[in-house]
Amino acid sequence: MQEAKKILRDIKSSFRDAAALMRGNLLVLTIGMSIFSSLWAIFAQYEGVYILALGGTYVAIGAFYGVYGLVGAMAGIPGGYICDAYGRRKIIVVGNYITALSWFFIALAPNWQTYFAAMVFLALAAFWIVAEDVILMDSIPVGKRGFGYGLFGTIIGLTSLASPYIGGWIFNVYHVQGMK
């Protein structure tokens, strides 16, 4: 019985610690990423269907995800260098403008090849995420970084939980053939 009471006290303490951490940059980044992730997850699961609707094939979908993943992963290396050389704020502002421009081209893509190219451009634009991660880590006290980063990821995951269902509902009810 004493063990159960200790576990309950630890859980209450964790919630108090979480509430105390959620301020400043951490709060702003958590809200922003929660909104973005929720919207992204509405259609991300159906991206392959969209590529097919644009005339792509299953092989094109596989190639797309392979190239997109590789380019996105490689964007972190120059992103880290640029972040250190020019500062976090500048890289985030410029990166977000490039990201917005990428979405413009994605929305106007007339075929899967143009979509593919625009998405690769979007993956290249991910260089700014390194700066955001650095700001996130700097916003969490040293002894709480693991907990804070875990909290950040958990909140983002929980806020986008219903999004794939919403996307499926939209596809089903409105017979959507794409995600523009």
N, C-alpha and C. Protein backbone atom coordinates (compact mmCIF):
# COMPACT_ATOMS: atom_id res chain seq x y z
N MET A 1 0.81 -1.19 0.00
CA MET A 1 0.00 0.00 0.00
C MET A 1 0.86 1.26 0.00
N GLN A 2 1.94 1.24 0.77
CA GLN A 2 2.84 2.37 0.82
C GLN A 2 3.48 2.63 -0.55
N GLU A 3 3.77 1.55 -1.26
CA GLU A 3 4.38 1.66 -2.60
C GLU A 3 3.42 2.35 -3.57
N ALA A 4 2.14 2.01 -3.49
CA ALA A 4 1.14 2.63 -4.36
C ALA A 4 1.02 4.13 -4.05
N LYS A 5 1.06 4.50 -2.80
CA LYS A 5 0.99 5.91 -2.42
C LYS A 5 2.21 6.67 -2.93
N LYS A 6 3.38 6.04 -2.87
CA LYS A 6 4.60 6.67 -3.37
C LYS A 6 4.51 6.88 -4.88
N ILE A 7 3.99 5.90 -5.59
CA ILE A 7 3.84 6.01 -7.04
C ILE A 7 2.88 7.15 -7.38
N LEU A 8 1.77 7.26 -6.65
CA LEU A 8 0.81 8.35 -6.88
C LEU A 8 1.43 9.71 -6.59
N ARG A 9 2.24 9.81 -5.53
CA ARG A 9 2.93 11.07 -5.22
C ARG A 9 3.90 11.43 -6.33
N ASP A 10 4.61 10.43 -6.86
CA ASP A 10 5.56 10.68 -7.95
C ASP A 10 4.85 11.14 -9.22
N ILE A 11 3.68 10.56 -9.49
CA ILE A 11 2.90 10.97 -10.67
C ILE A 11 2.43 12.42 -10.51
N LYS A 12 1.91 12.76 -9.33
CA LYS A 12 1.47 14.14 -9.07
C LYS A 12 2.64 15.10 -9.21
N SER A 13 3.78 14.71 -8.70
CA SER A 13 4.97 15.55 -8.79
C SER A 13 5.39 15.75 -10.24
N SER A 14 5.26 14.70 -11.06
CA SER A 14 5.60 14.81 -12.48
C SER A 14 4.70 15.80 -13.20
N PHE A 15 3.41 15.80 -12.87
CA PHE A 15 2.49 16.76 -13.47
C PHE A 15 2.81 18.19 -13.04
N ARG A 16 3.19 18.36 -11.79
CA ARG A 16 3.59 19.70 -11.32
C ARG A 16 4.86 20.15 -12.04
N ASP A 17 5.82 19.22 -12.19
CA ASP A 17 7.06 19.54 -12.91
C ASP A 17 6.77 19.91 -14.36
N ALA A 18 5.84 19.19 -14.99
CA ALA A 18 5.48 19.47 -16.38
C ALA A 18 4.87 20.85 -16.50
N ALA A 19 3.97 21.19 -15.60
CA ALA A 19 3.32 22.50 -15.65
C ALA A 19 4.35 23.61 -15.43
N ALA A 20 5.32 23.38 -14.56
CA ALA A 20 6.34 24.39 -14.29
C ALA A 20 7.27 24.58 -15.49
N LEU A 21 7.53 23.52 -16.25
CA LEU A 21 8.41 23.60 -17.42
C LEU A 21 7.76 24.31 -18.60
N MET A 22 6.46 24.19 -18.73
CA MET A 22 5.75 24.70 -19.91
C MET A 22 5.59 26.21 -19.86
N ARG A 23 6.66 26.91 -20.21
CA ARG A 23 6.62 28.36 -20.29
C ARG A 23 7.66 28.82 -21.31
N GLY A 24 7.54 30.06 -21.73
CA GLY A 24 8.53 30.63 -22.63
C GLY A 24 8.62 29.90 -23.97
N ASN A 25 9.85 29.74 -24.44
CA ASN A 25 10.08 29.11 -25.75
C ASN A 25 9.52 27.69 -25.81
N LEU A 26 9.65 26.94 -24.72
CA LEU A 26 9.14 25.57 -24.72
C LEU A 26 7.64 25.54 -24.96
N LEU A 27 6.91 26.43 -24.32
CA LEU A 27 5.47 26.51 -24.50
C LEU A 27 5.12 26.91 -25.93
N VAL A 28 5.79 27.94 -26.44
CA VAL A 28 5.51 28.42 -27.81
C VAL A 28 5.83 27.34 -28.83
N LEU A 29 6.99 26.69 -28.70
CA LEU A 29 7.37 25.62 -29.64
C LEU A 29 6.41 24.43 -29.55
N THR A 30 5.98 24.11 -28.34
CA THR A 30 5.04 22.99 -28.16
C THR A 30 3.70 23.30 -28.83
N ILE A 31 3.19 24.50 -28.64
CA ILE A 31 1.91 24.88 -29.26
C ILE A 31 2.05 24.88 -30.78
N GLY A 32 3.11 25.52 -31.28
CA GLY A 32 3.31 25.59 -32.73
C GLY A 32 3.46 24.22 -33.37
N MET A 33 4.29 23.37 -32.78
CA MET A 33 4.49 22.03 -33.35
C MET A 33 3.24 21.16 -33.19
N SER A 34 2.47 21.38 -32.14
CA SER A 34 1.23 20.62 -31.97
C SER A 34 0.24 20.96 -33.08
N ILE A 35 0.13 22.25 -33.39
CA ILE A 35 -0.77 22.67 -34.47
C ILE A 35 -0.28 22.10 -35.80
N PHE A 36 1.02 22.28 -36.09
CA PHE A 36 1.57 21.79 -37.35
C PHE A 36 1.40 20.27 -37.47
N SER A 37 1.77 19.54 -36.42
CA SER A 37 1.69 18.07 -36.47
C SER A 37 0.26 17.59 -36.64
N SER A 38 -0.67 18.26 -35.98
CA SER A 38 -2.08 17.87 -36.11
C SER A 38 -2.57 18.05 -37.54
N LEU A 39 -2.21 19.18 -38.15
CA LEU A 39 -2.63 19.42 -39.53
C LEU A 39 -1.91 18.51 -40.51
N TRP A 40 -0.62 18.31 -40.30
CA TRP A 40 0.17 17.44 -41.17
C TRP A 40 -0.37 16.01 -41.14
N ALA A 41 -0.71 15.52 -39.96
CA ALA A 41 -1.17 14.14 -39.81
C ALA A 41 -2.55 13.90 -40.43
N ILE A 42 -3.29 14.96 -40.73
CA ILE A 42 -4.58 14.78 -41.39
C ILE A 42 -4.39 14.18 -42.77
N PHE A 43 -3.38 14.62 -43.48
CA PHE A 43 -3.22 14.14 -44.85
C PHE A 43 -1.96 13.30 -45.09
N ALA A 44 -1.01 13.30 -44.19
CA ALA A 44 0.27 12.61 -44.43
C ALA A 44 0.08 11.12 -44.72
N GLN A 45 -0.87 10.48 -44.04
CA GLN A 45 -1.09 9.05 -44.26
C GLN A 45 -1.66 8.76 -45.64
N TYR A 46 -2.18 9.77 -46.29
CA TYR A 46 -2.83 9.58 -47.58
C TYR A 46 -1.99 10.17 -48.73
N GLU A 47 -0.76 10.49 -48.42
CA GLU A 47 0.12 11.09 -49.42
C GLU A 47 0.35 10.15 -50.60
N GLY A 48 0.49 8.86 -50.33
CA GLY A 48 0.66 7.89 -51.41
C GLY A 48 -0.54 7.87 -52.36
N VAL A 49 -1.73 7.99 -51.81
CA VAL A 49 -2.94 8.05 -52.62
C VAL A 49 -2.89 9.28 -53.53
N TYR A 50 -2.41 10.38 -52.98
CA TYR A 50 -2.31 11.62 -53.74
C TYR A 50 -1.29 11.47 -54.89
N ILE A 51 -0.17 10.84 -54.61
CA ILE A 51 0.84 10.63 -55.64
C ILE A 51 0.26 9.77 -56.76
N LEU A 52 -0.52 8.76 -56.40
CA LEU A 52 -1.19 7.93 -57.42
C LEU A 52 -2.17 8.77 -58.24
N ALA A 53 -2.91 9.66 -57.56
CA ALA A 53 -3.88 10.51 -58.26
C ALA A 53 -3.19 11.48 -59.22
N LEU A 54 -1.93 11.83 -58.92
CA LEU A 54 -1.16 12.70 -59.80
C LEU A 54 -0.48 11.93 -60.93
N GLY A 55 -0.75 10.62 -61.02
CA GLY A 55 -0.19 9.82 -62.10
C GLY A 55 1.02 9.01 -61.72
N GLY A 56 1.40 9.04 -60.46
CA GLY A 56 2.55 8.27 -60.00
C GLY A 56 2.25 6.78 -59.90
N THR A 57 3.27 6.01 -59.66
CA THR A 57 3.15 4.56 -59.50
C THR A 57 3.58 4.18 -58.08
N TYR A 58 3.41 2.91 -57.74
CA TYR A 58 3.87 2.46 -56.43
C TYR A 58 5.39 2.55 -56.32
N VAL A 59 6.09 2.33 -57.42
CA VAL A 59 7.55 2.48 -57.43
C VAL A 59 7.91 3.95 -57.20
N ALA A 60 7.17 4.86 -57.81
CA ALA A 60 7.41 6.29 -57.61
C ALA A 60 7.20 6.67 -56.14
N ILE A 61 6.18 6.09 -55.51
CA ILE A 61 5.93 6.36 -54.09
C ILE A 61 7.11 5.88 -53.25
N GLY A 62 7.59 4.67 -53.53
CA GLY A 62 8.75 4.15 -52.80
C GLY A 62 9.98 5.01 -52.99
N ALA A 63 10.23 5.41 -54.24
CA ALA A 63 11.38 6.26 -54.53
C ALA A 63 11.23 7.61 -53.83
N PHE A 64 10.02 8.14 -53.86
CA PHE A 64 9.75 9.42 -53.23
C PHE A 64 10.12 9.38 -51.75
N TYR A 65 9.62 8.38 -51.02
CA TYR A 65 9.89 8.32 -49.59
C TYR A 65 11.37 8.09 -49.29
N GLY A 66 12.04 7.31 -50.12
CA GLY A 66 13.47 7.09 -49.93
C GLY A 66 14.27 8.37 -50.13
N VAL A 67 14.02 9.07 -51.22
CA VAL A 67 14.75 10.31 -51.51
C VAL A 67 14.39 11.39 -50.50
N TYR A 68 13.11 11.53 -50.21
CA TYR A 68 12.66 12.55 -49.25
C TYR A 68 13.32 12.34 -47.89
N GLY A 69 13.33 11.10 -47.43
CA GLY A 69 13.96 10.79 -46.14
C GLY A 69 15.45 11.07 -46.13
N LEU A 70 16.14 10.69 -47.20
CA LEU A 70 17.58 10.92 -47.29
C LEU A 70 17.90 12.41 -47.31
N VAL A 71 17.20 13.16 -48.14
CA VAL A 71 17.45 14.61 -48.25
C VAL A 71 17.13 15.30 -46.92
N GLY A 72 16.03 14.92 -46.30
CA GLY A 72 15.67 15.52 -45.01
C GLY A 72 16.71 15.23 -43.94
N ALA A 73 17.23 14.01 -43.93
CA ALA A 73 18.25 13.65 -42.95
C ALA A 73 19.55 14.41 -43.20
N MET A 74 19.92 14.56 -44.44
CA MET A 74 21.16 15.24 -44.79
C MET A 74 21.08 16.76 -44.57
N ALA A 75 19.87 17.31 -44.54
CA ALA A 75 19.71 18.75 -44.34
C ALA A 75 20.18 19.19 -42.96
N GLY A 76 20.22 18.27 -42.02
CA GLY A 76 20.64 18.62 -40.67
C GLY A 76 22.11 19.00 -40.56
N ILE A 77 22.95 18.45 -41.41
CA ILE A 77 24.38 18.74 -41.34
C ILE A 77 24.66 20.21 -41.69
N PRO A 78 24.25 20.67 -42.87
CA PRO A 78 24.46 22.11 -43.14
C PRO A 78 23.63 22.99 -42.21
N GLY A 79 22.48 22.49 -41.78
CA GLY A 79 21.64 23.27 -40.86
C GLY A 79 22.35 23.57 -39.56
N GLY A 80 23.05 22.59 -39.03
CA GLY A 80 23.82 22.80 -37.81
C GLY A 80 24.93 23.81 -37.99
N TYR A 81 25.62 23.71 -39.12
CA TYR A 81 26.70 24.66 -39.41
C TYR A 81 26.15 26.08 -39.55
N ILE A 82 25.08 26.22 -40.34
CA ILE A 82 24.49 27.54 -40.57
C ILE A 82 23.97 28.12 -39.25
N CYS A 83 23.39 27.27 -38.42
CA CYS A 83 22.88 27.71 -37.11
C CYS A 83 24.01 28.29 -36.27
N ASP A 84 25.14 27.59 -36.23
CA ASP A 84 26.27 28.07 -35.44
C ASP A 84 26.89 29.33 -36.04
N ALA A 85 26.93 29.41 -37.37
CA ALA A 85 27.59 30.53 -38.03
C ALA A 85 26.75 31.80 -38.06
N TYR A 86 25.43 31.68 -38.22
CA TYR A 86 24.59 32.86 -38.43
C TYR A 86 23.55 33.11 -37.34
N GLY A 87 23.41 32.19 -36.43
CA GLY A 87 22.46 32.39 -35.35
C GLY A 87 21.15 31.66 -35.57
N ARG A 88 20.51 31.32 -34.49
CA ARG A 88 19.29 30.50 -34.53
C ARG A 88 18.10 31.25 -35.11
N ARG A 89 17.90 32.47 -34.66
CA ARG A 89 16.71 33.22 -35.08
C ARG A 89 16.69 33.40 -36.60
N LYS A 90 17.81 33.82 -37.18
CA LYS A 90 17.87 34.04 -38.63
C LYS A 90 17.56 32.77 -39.41
N ILE A 91 18.16 31.67 -39.00
CA ILE A 91 17.95 30.42 -39.73
C ILE A 91 16.50 29.96 -39.64
N ILE A 92 15.86 30.18 -38.50
CA ILE A 92 14.46 29.79 -38.35
C ILE A 92 13.57 30.65 -39.24
N VAL A 93 13.81 31.95 -39.27
CA VAL A 93 13.00 32.85 -40.10
C VAL A 93 13.18 32.51 -41.57
N VAL A 94 14.41 32.42 -42.04
CA VAL A 94 14.67 32.11 -43.45
C VAL A 94 14.13 30.72 -43.80
N GLY A 95 14.37 29.75 -42.92
CA GLY A 95 13.89 28.39 -43.17
C GLY A 95 12.38 28.31 -43.28
N ASN A 96 11.67 29.07 -42.45
CA ASN A 96 10.21 29.06 -42.52
C ASN A 96 9.70 29.72 -43.80
N TYR A 97 10.38 30.75 -44.26
CA TYR A 97 9.99 31.35 -45.55
C TYR A 97 10.21 30.36 -46.70
N ILE A 98 11.32 29.65 -46.66
CA ILE A 98 11.58 28.65 -47.70
C ILE A 98 10.56 27.52 -47.62
N THR A 99 10.21 27.13 -46.41
CA THR A 99 9.19 26.09 -46.22
C THR A 99 7.85 26.54 -46.79
N ALA A 100 7.46 27.78 -46.51
CA ALA A 100 6.19 28.30 -47.05
C ALA A 100 6.22 28.33 -48.57
N LEU A 101 7.34 28.73 -49.15
CA LEU A 101 7.48 28.74 -50.60
C LEU A 101 7.37 27.32 -51.15
N SER A 102 7.94 26.37 -50.45
CA SER A 102 7.85 24.96 -50.86
C SER A 102 6.40 24.51 -50.92
N TRP A 103 5.62 24.86 -49.89
CA TRP A 103 4.21 24.45 -49.86
C TRP A 103 3.42 25.08 -51.00
N PHE A 104 3.81 26.27 -51.41
CA PHE A 104 3.16 26.91 -52.55
C PHE A 104 3.35 26.05 -53.81
N PHE A 105 4.58 25.60 -54.05
CA PHE A 105 4.85 24.75 -55.22
C PHE A 105 4.19 23.37 -55.09
N ILE A 106 4.14 22.87 -53.87
CA ILE A 106 3.48 21.57 -53.64
C ILE A 106 2.00 21.68 -53.99
N ALA A 107 1.36 22.76 -53.55
CA ALA A 107 -0.07 22.94 -53.80
C ALA A 107 -0.39 23.08 -55.29
N LEU A 108 0.55 23.59 -56.06
CA LEU A 108 0.31 23.81 -57.48
C LEU A 108 0.82 22.68 -58.37
N ALA A 109 1.37 21.64 -57.78
CA ALA A 109 1.97 20.55 -58.56
C ALA A 109 0.92 19.90 -59.48
N PRO A 110 1.16 19.93 -60.81
CA PRO A 110 0.20 19.34 -61.75
C PRO A 110 0.38 17.83 -61.95
N ASN A 111 1.55 17.31 -61.56
CA ASN A 111 1.84 15.88 -61.75
C ASN A 111 2.76 15.39 -60.63
N TRP A 112 2.95 14.08 -60.58
CA TRP A 112 3.74 13.52 -59.48
C TRP A 112 5.20 13.94 -59.55
N GLN A 113 5.74 14.19 -60.74
CA GLN A 113 7.14 14.58 -60.85
C GLN A 113 7.37 15.97 -60.24
N THR A 114 6.46 16.89 -60.50
CA THR A 114 6.57 18.24 -59.92
C THR A 114 6.37 18.17 -58.42
N TYR A 115 5.43 17.35 -57.99
CA TYR A 115 5.20 17.15 -56.56
C TYR A 115 6.45 16.60 -55.89
N PHE A 116 7.05 15.60 -56.54
CA PHE A 116 8.28 14.98 -56.04
C PHE A 116 9.36 16.04 -55.86
N ALA A 117 9.58 16.86 -56.88
CA ALA A 117 10.62 17.90 -56.83
C ALA A 117 10.32 18.92 -55.74
N ALA A 118 9.06 19.32 -55.61
CA ALA A 118 8.69 20.31 -54.60
C ALA A 118 8.87 19.73 -53.19
N MET A 119 8.57 18.46 -53.01
CA MET A 119 8.74 17.84 -51.70
C MET A 119 10.22 17.67 -51.35
N VAL A 120 11.06 17.41 -52.34
CA VAL A 120 12.50 17.35 -52.09
C VAL A 120 13.00 18.73 -51.68
N PHE A 121 12.49 19.77 -52.33
CA PHE A 121 12.83 21.14 -51.95
C PHE A 121 12.38 21.40 -50.50
N LEU A 122 11.21 20.90 -50.13
CA LEU A 122 10.73 21.03 -48.75
C LEU A 122 11.67 20.31 -47.78
N ALA A 123 12.12 19.12 -48.16
CA ALA A 123 13.05 18.37 -47.30
C ALA A 123 14.36 19.13 -47.14
N LEU A 124 14.84 19.76 -48.20
CA LEU A 124 16.05 20.57 -48.11
C LEU A 124 15.84 21.75 -47.16
N ALA A 125 14.64 22.29 -47.17
CA ALA A 125 14.31 23.43 -46.31
C ALA A 125 14.31 23.05 -44.83
N ALA A 126 14.37 21.77 -44.52
CA ALA A 126 14.33 21.31 -43.13
C ALA A 126 15.60 21.65 -42.36
N PHE A 127 16.57 22.30 -43.01
CA PHE A 127 17.81 22.66 -42.33
C PHE A 127 17.55 23.52 -41.09
N TRP A 128 16.47 24.27 -41.07
CA TRP A 128 16.18 25.17 -39.96
C TRP A 128 15.72 24.44 -38.70
N ILE A 129 15.31 23.20 -38.84
CA ILE A 129 14.80 22.45 -37.68
C ILE A 129 15.89 22.24 -36.63
N VAL A 130 17.14 22.17 -37.07
CA VAL A 130 18.25 22.06 -36.12
C VAL A 130 18.24 23.25 -35.16
N ALA A 131 18.06 24.45 -35.70
CA ALA A 131 18.04 25.65 -34.85
C ALA A 131 16.87 25.61 -33.87
N GLU A 132 15.73 25.11 -34.34
CA GLU A 132 14.58 25.00 -33.44
C GLU A 132 14.86 24.01 -32.32
N ASP A 133 15.50 22.89 -32.66
CA ASP A 133 15.84 21.90 -31.63
C ASP A 133 16.82 22.47 -30.60
N VAL A 134 17.78 23.27 -31.06
CA VAL A 134 18.74 23.88 -30.15
C VAL A 134 18.02 24.85 -29.20
N ILE A 135 17.12 25.65 -29.74
CA ILE A 135 16.35 26.58 -28.89
C ILE A 135 15.51 25.79 -27.89
N LEU A 136 14.92 24.70 -28.36
CA LEU A 136 14.12 23.86 -27.48
C LEU A 136 14.97 23.35 -26.32
N MET A 137 16.14 22.80 -26.63
CA MET A 137 17.01 22.27 -25.57
C MET A 137 17.50 23.38 -24.63
N ASP A 138 17.84 24.54 -25.19
CA ASP A 138 18.29 25.65 -24.34
C ASP A 138 17.17 26.18 -23.45
N SER A 139 15.93 25.92 -23.80
CA SER A 139 14.78 26.43 -23.04
C SER A 139 14.41 25.53 -21.87
N ILE A 140 15.05 24.39 -21.79
CA ILE A 140 14.76 23.44 -20.71
C ILE A 140 15.95 23.42 -19.75
N PRO A 141 15.72 23.56 -18.45
CA PRO A 141 16.83 23.52 -17.48
C PRO A 141 17.65 22.24 -17.62
N VAL A 142 18.95 22.34 -17.39
CA VAL A 142 19.88 21.23 -17.62
C VAL A 142 19.42 19.93 -16.96
N GLY A 143 19.01 19.96 -15.74
CA GLY A 143 18.61 18.73 -15.05
C GLY A 143 17.26 18.17 -15.47
N LYS A 144 16.55 18.88 -16.35
CA LYS A 144 15.19 18.49 -16.75
C LYS A 144 15.08 18.26 -18.26
N ARG A 145 16.18 18.24 -18.99
CA ARG A 145 16.11 18.18 -20.46
C ARG A 145 15.48 16.90 -20.98
N GLY A 146 15.80 15.77 -20.39
CA GLY A 146 15.18 14.51 -20.83
C GLY A 146 13.68 14.53 -20.61
N PHE A 147 13.28 14.96 -19.42
CA PHE A 147 11.86 15.05 -19.09
C PHE A 147 11.16 16.07 -19.98
N GLY A 148 11.78 17.24 -20.17
CA GLY A 148 11.19 18.30 -20.98
C GLY A 148 11.02 17.89 -22.43
N TYR A 149 12.05 17.25 -22.99
CA TYR A 149 11.95 16.82 -24.38
C TYR A 149 10.91 15.71 -24.53
N GLY A 150 10.85 14.82 -23.55
CA GLY A 150 9.82 13.78 -23.55
C GLY A 150 8.43 14.37 -23.46
N LEU A 151 8.27 15.38 -22.63
CA LEU A 151 7.00 16.07 -22.49
C LEU A 151 6.60 16.74 -23.81
N PHE A 152 7.55 17.42 -24.44
CA PHE A 152 7.33 18.07 -25.74
C PHE A 152 6.81 17.05 -26.75
N GLY A 153 7.51 15.93 -26.89
CA GLY A 153 7.10 14.90 -27.85
C GLY A 153 5.76 14.26 -27.52
N THR A 154 5.51 14.05 -26.25
CA THR A 154 4.24 13.45 -25.83
C THR A 154 3.06 14.36 -26.14
N ILE A 155 3.20 15.62 -25.83
CA ILE A 155 2.11 16.57 -26.10
C ILE A 155 1.83 16.64 -27.60
N ILE A 156 2.89 16.73 -28.39
CA ILE A 156 2.71 16.79 -29.84
C ILE A 156 2.02 15.52 -30.35
N GLY A 157 2.45 14.38 -29.87
CA GLY A 157 1.82 13.12 -30.28
C GLY A 157 0.36 13.03 -29.89
N LEU A 158 0.05 13.45 -28.67
CA LEU A 158 -1.33 13.37 -28.20
C LEU A 158 -2.26 14.33 -28.95
N THR A 159 -1.75 15.52 -29.28
CA THR A 159 -2.61 16.49 -29.96
C THR A 159 -2.92 16.09 -31.40
N SER A 160 -2.11 15.22 -31.99
CA SER A 160 -2.37 14.83 -33.38
C SER A 160 -2.93 13.41 -33.48
N LEU A 161 -3.35 12.85 -32.37
CA LEU A 161 -3.86 11.48 -32.34
C LEU A 161 -5.08 11.26 -33.24
N ALA A 162 -6.00 12.18 -33.24
CA ALA A 162 -7.23 12.02 -34.01
C ALA A 162 -7.07 12.44 -35.47
N SER A 163 -5.98 13.08 -35.81
CA SER A 163 -5.80 13.64 -37.16
C SER A 163 -5.90 12.62 -38.30
N PRO A 164 -5.27 11.45 -38.21
CA PRO A 164 -5.42 10.49 -39.31
C PRO A 164 -6.88 10.07 -39.52
N TYR A 165 -7.62 9.92 -38.44
CA TYR A 165 -9.04 9.60 -38.55
C TYR A 165 -9.79 10.72 -39.26
N ILE A 166 -9.49 11.96 -38.89
CA ILE A 166 -10.13 13.12 -39.53
C ILE A 166 -9.82 13.13 -41.02
N GLY A 167 -8.55 12.86 -41.36
CA GLY A 167 -8.16 12.79 -42.77
C GLY A 167 -8.92 11.70 -43.51
N GLY A 168 -9.04 10.54 -42.90
CA GLY A 168 -9.80 9.45 -43.51
C GLY A 168 -11.26 9.80 -43.70
N TRP A 169 -11.82 10.47 -42.71
CA TRP A 169 -13.21 10.91 -42.81
C TRP A 169 -13.38 11.89 -43.97
N ILE A 170 -12.45 12.85 -44.09
CA ILE A 170 -12.51 13.82 -45.19
C ILE A 170 -12.44 13.11 -46.53
N PHE A 171 -11.49 12.17 -46.67
CA PHE A 171 -11.37 11.41 -47.91
C PHE A 171 -12.64 10.64 -48.21
N ASN A 172 -13.20 10.02 -47.18
CA ASN A 172 -14.37 9.17 -47.35
C ASN A 172 -15.64 9.98 -47.68
N VAL A 173 -15.90 11.01 -46.91
CA VAL A 173 -17.13 11.78 -47.07
C VAL A 173 -17.12 12.64 -48.32
N TYR A 174 -15.99 13.28 -48.57
CA TYR A 174 -15.91 14.22 -49.69
C TYR A 174 -15.25 13.63 -50.93
N HIS A 175 -14.90 12.36 -50.88
CA HIS A 175 -14.28 11.67 -52.02
C HIS A 175 -13.08 12.44 -52.55
N VAL A 176 -12.27 12.92 -51.62
CA VAL A 176 -11.09 13.72 -51.98
C VAL A 176 -10.09 12.83 -52.70
N GLN A 177 -9.51 13.34 -53.77
CA GLN A 177 -8.53 12.59 -54.54
C GLN A 177 -7.12 13.11 -54.30
N GLY A 178 -7.00 14.14 -53.51
CA GLY A 178 -5.69 14.74 -53.26
C GLY A 178 -5.67 15.42 -51.93
N MET A 179 -4.64 16.20 -51.73
CA MET A 179 -4.48 16.85 -50.42
C MET A 179 -4.13 18.31 -50.57
N LYS A 180 -4.54 18.94 -51.64
CA LYS A 180 -4.23 20.35 -51.85
C LYS A 180 -5.07 21.21 -50.93
